[in-house]
């Protein structure tokens, strides 16, 4: 499984995951995704066969639901919550560990089995 981190996450998370051998890109590192609309990010992730990691449930959940209902090619979304795992420099290692565990658990999969997951 390949990931695309939404721009709200520190690129250090993607770097840490790449050091562990995972195929991860950060929207913050890509000029074509900086300040891109959610639709653009969603469609690019689909084209590149990437699972999106985002905190933006309000905008991405409807995109995921539409793709799932229409049986469109969709690789999944992992949602996070600032309540359970705040986005801060102090939690970069925690994010790397949690996402690495998720990627290892689904090492043979190209997509999330249920389409949508929450990072614990």
Protein backbone atom coordinates (compact mmCIF):
# COMPACT_ATOMS: atom_id res chain seq x y z
CA UNK A 1 0.00 0.00 0.00
CA UNK A 2 1.21 3.49 -0.85
CA UNK A 3 0.30 6.62 1.12
CA UNK A 4 -0.24 10.28 0.34
CA UNK A 5 -0.14 12.53 3.41
CA UNK A 6 -2.40 15.56 3.19
CA UNK A 7 -0.63 18.91 3.51
CA UNK A 8 -1.59 19.33 7.17
CA UNK A 9 1.07 16.79 8.20
CA UNK A 10 4.77 17.48 8.66
CA UNK A 11 6.84 16.12 5.75
CA UNK A 12 9.06 14.56 8.43
CA UNK A 13 6.39 11.87 8.82
CA UNK A 14 6.72 10.87 5.16
CA UNK A 15 10.50 10.94 5.47
CA UNK A 16 10.41 8.70 8.55
CA UNK A 17 8.15 6.21 6.77
CA UNK A 18 10.36 6.19 3.67
CA UNK A 19 13.35 5.40 5.89
CA UNK A 20 11.42 2.29 6.94
CA UNK A 21 10.99 1.29 3.32
CA UNK A 22 7.43 2.51 2.73
CA UNK A 23 6.23 4.30 -0.40
CA UNK A 24 4.91 7.55 1.06
CA UNK A 25 4.59 11.04 -0.35
CA UNK A 26 3.62 14.26 1.34
CA UNK A 27 1.44 16.87 -0.35
CA UNK A 28 3.68 19.47 1.33
CA UNK A 29 6.66 18.17 -0.66
CA UNK A 30 4.89 18.29 -4.01
CA UNK A 31 4.43 21.63 -5.78
CA UNK A 32 1.47 20.18 -7.74
CA UNK A 33 -0.40 19.54 -4.47
CA UNK A 34 0.39 22.63 -2.40
CA UNK A 35 -2.89 24.45 -1.76
CA UNK A 36 -4.69 22.02 -4.09
CA UNK A 37 -8.39 21.45 -3.62
CA UNK A 38 -9.55 18.30 -1.89
CA UNK A 39 -10.96 17.00 -5.18
CA UNK A 40 -7.55 17.40 -6.84
CA UNK A 41 -5.80 15.59 -3.97
CA UNK A 42 -8.43 12.83 -3.98
CA UNK A 43 -8.25 12.29 -7.74
CA UNK A 44 -4.46 12.37 -7.82
CA UNK A 45 -4.32 9.79 -5.03
CA UNK A 46 -6.67 7.59 -7.05
CA UNK A 47 -4.56 8.00 -10.19
CA UNK A 48 -1.38 7.12 -8.28
CA UNK A 49 -3.07 4.29 -6.37
CA UNK A 50 -2.37 5.90 -3.00
CA UNK A 51 -4.28 5.83 0.27
CA UNK A 52 -4.82 9.36 1.60
CA UNK A 53 -4.00 10.22 5.21
CA UNK A 54 -5.94 13.27 6.35
CA UNK A 55 -7.46 15.01 9.31
CA UNK A 56 -10.12 16.59 7.09
CA UNK A 57 -13.09 14.30 7.68
CA UNK A 58 -15.67 16.92 6.71
CA UNK A 59 -14.42 17.24 3.14
CA UNK A 60 -12.89 13.83 2.41
CA UNK A 61 -15.59 11.56 3.88
CA UNK A 62 -18.16 12.60 1.23
CA UNK A 63 -15.56 12.01 -1.50
CA UNK A 64 -14.86 8.54 -0.12
CA UNK A 65 -18.56 7.70 0.25
CA UNK A 66 -19.28 8.79 -3.32
CA UNK A 67 -16.40 6.69 -4.67
CA UNK A 68 -17.50 3.65 -2.67
CA UNK A 69 -21.18 4.02 -3.67
CA UNK A 70 -20.29 4.39 -7.35
CA UNK A 71 -17.80 1.50 -7.24
CA UNK A 72 -15.10 3.86 -8.49
CA UNK A 73 -11.46 2.90 -8.30
CA UNK A 74 -10.51 4.08 -4.81
CA UNK A 75 -7.62 3.03 -2.59
CA UNK A 76 -8.78 4.39 0.74
CA UNK A 77 -8.52 7.12 3.32
CA UNK A 78 -6.99 6.98 6.77
CA UNK A 79 -8.45 9.62 9.05
CA UNK A 80 -6.77 11.01 12.14
CA UNK A 81 -8.15 13.06 15.00
CA UNK A 82 -6.45 15.86 16.88
CA UNK A 83 -8.22 14.62 20.01
CA UNK A 84 -6.60 11.19 20.02
CA UNK A 85 -3.38 12.08 18.19
CA UNK A 86 -2.66 15.82 17.96
CA UNK A 87 -0.64 17.03 15.00
CA UNK A 88 2.48 18.40 16.67
CA UNK A 89 6.23 18.10 16.29
CA UNK A 90 6.26 15.99 19.44
CA UNK A 91 4.00 13.39 17.81
CA UNK A 92 5.89 12.90 14.56
CA UNK A 93 7.44 9.66 15.86
CA UNK A 94 4.04 8.45 17.03
CA UNK A 95 2.58 9.08 13.58
CA UNK A 96 5.48 7.28 11.92
CA UNK A 97 5.05 4.28 14.21
CA UNK A 98 1.24 4.10 13.83
CA UNK A 99 1.30 4.48 10.04
CA UNK A 100 4.17 2.02 9.70
CA UNK A 101 2.16 -0.54 11.70
CA UNK A 102 -0.84 0.04 9.43
CA UNK A 103 1.30 -0.37 6.30
CA UNK A 104 2.92 -3.53 7.63
CA UNK A 105 -0.47 -4.99 8.58
CA UNK A 106 -1.64 -4.49 4.99
CA UNK A 107 1.71 -5.13 3.30
CA UNK A 108 0.20 -7.33 0.59
CA UNK A 109 -2.79 -5.07 -0.07
CA UNK A 110 -2.97 -2.31 -2.63
CA UNK A 111 -5.89 -0.62 -0.88
CA UNK A 112 -7.55 -0.43 2.52
CA UNK A 113 -9.92 -3.39 2.81
CA UNK A 114 -12.87 -1.31 4.08
CA UNK A 115 -11.98 1.84 2.14
CA UNK A 116 -11.89 4.05 5.23
CA UNK A 117 -10.00 3.63 8.50
CA UNK A 118 -9.16 5.68 11.56
CA UNK A 119 -5.64 5.84 12.90
CA UNK A 120 -5.80 4.84 16.56
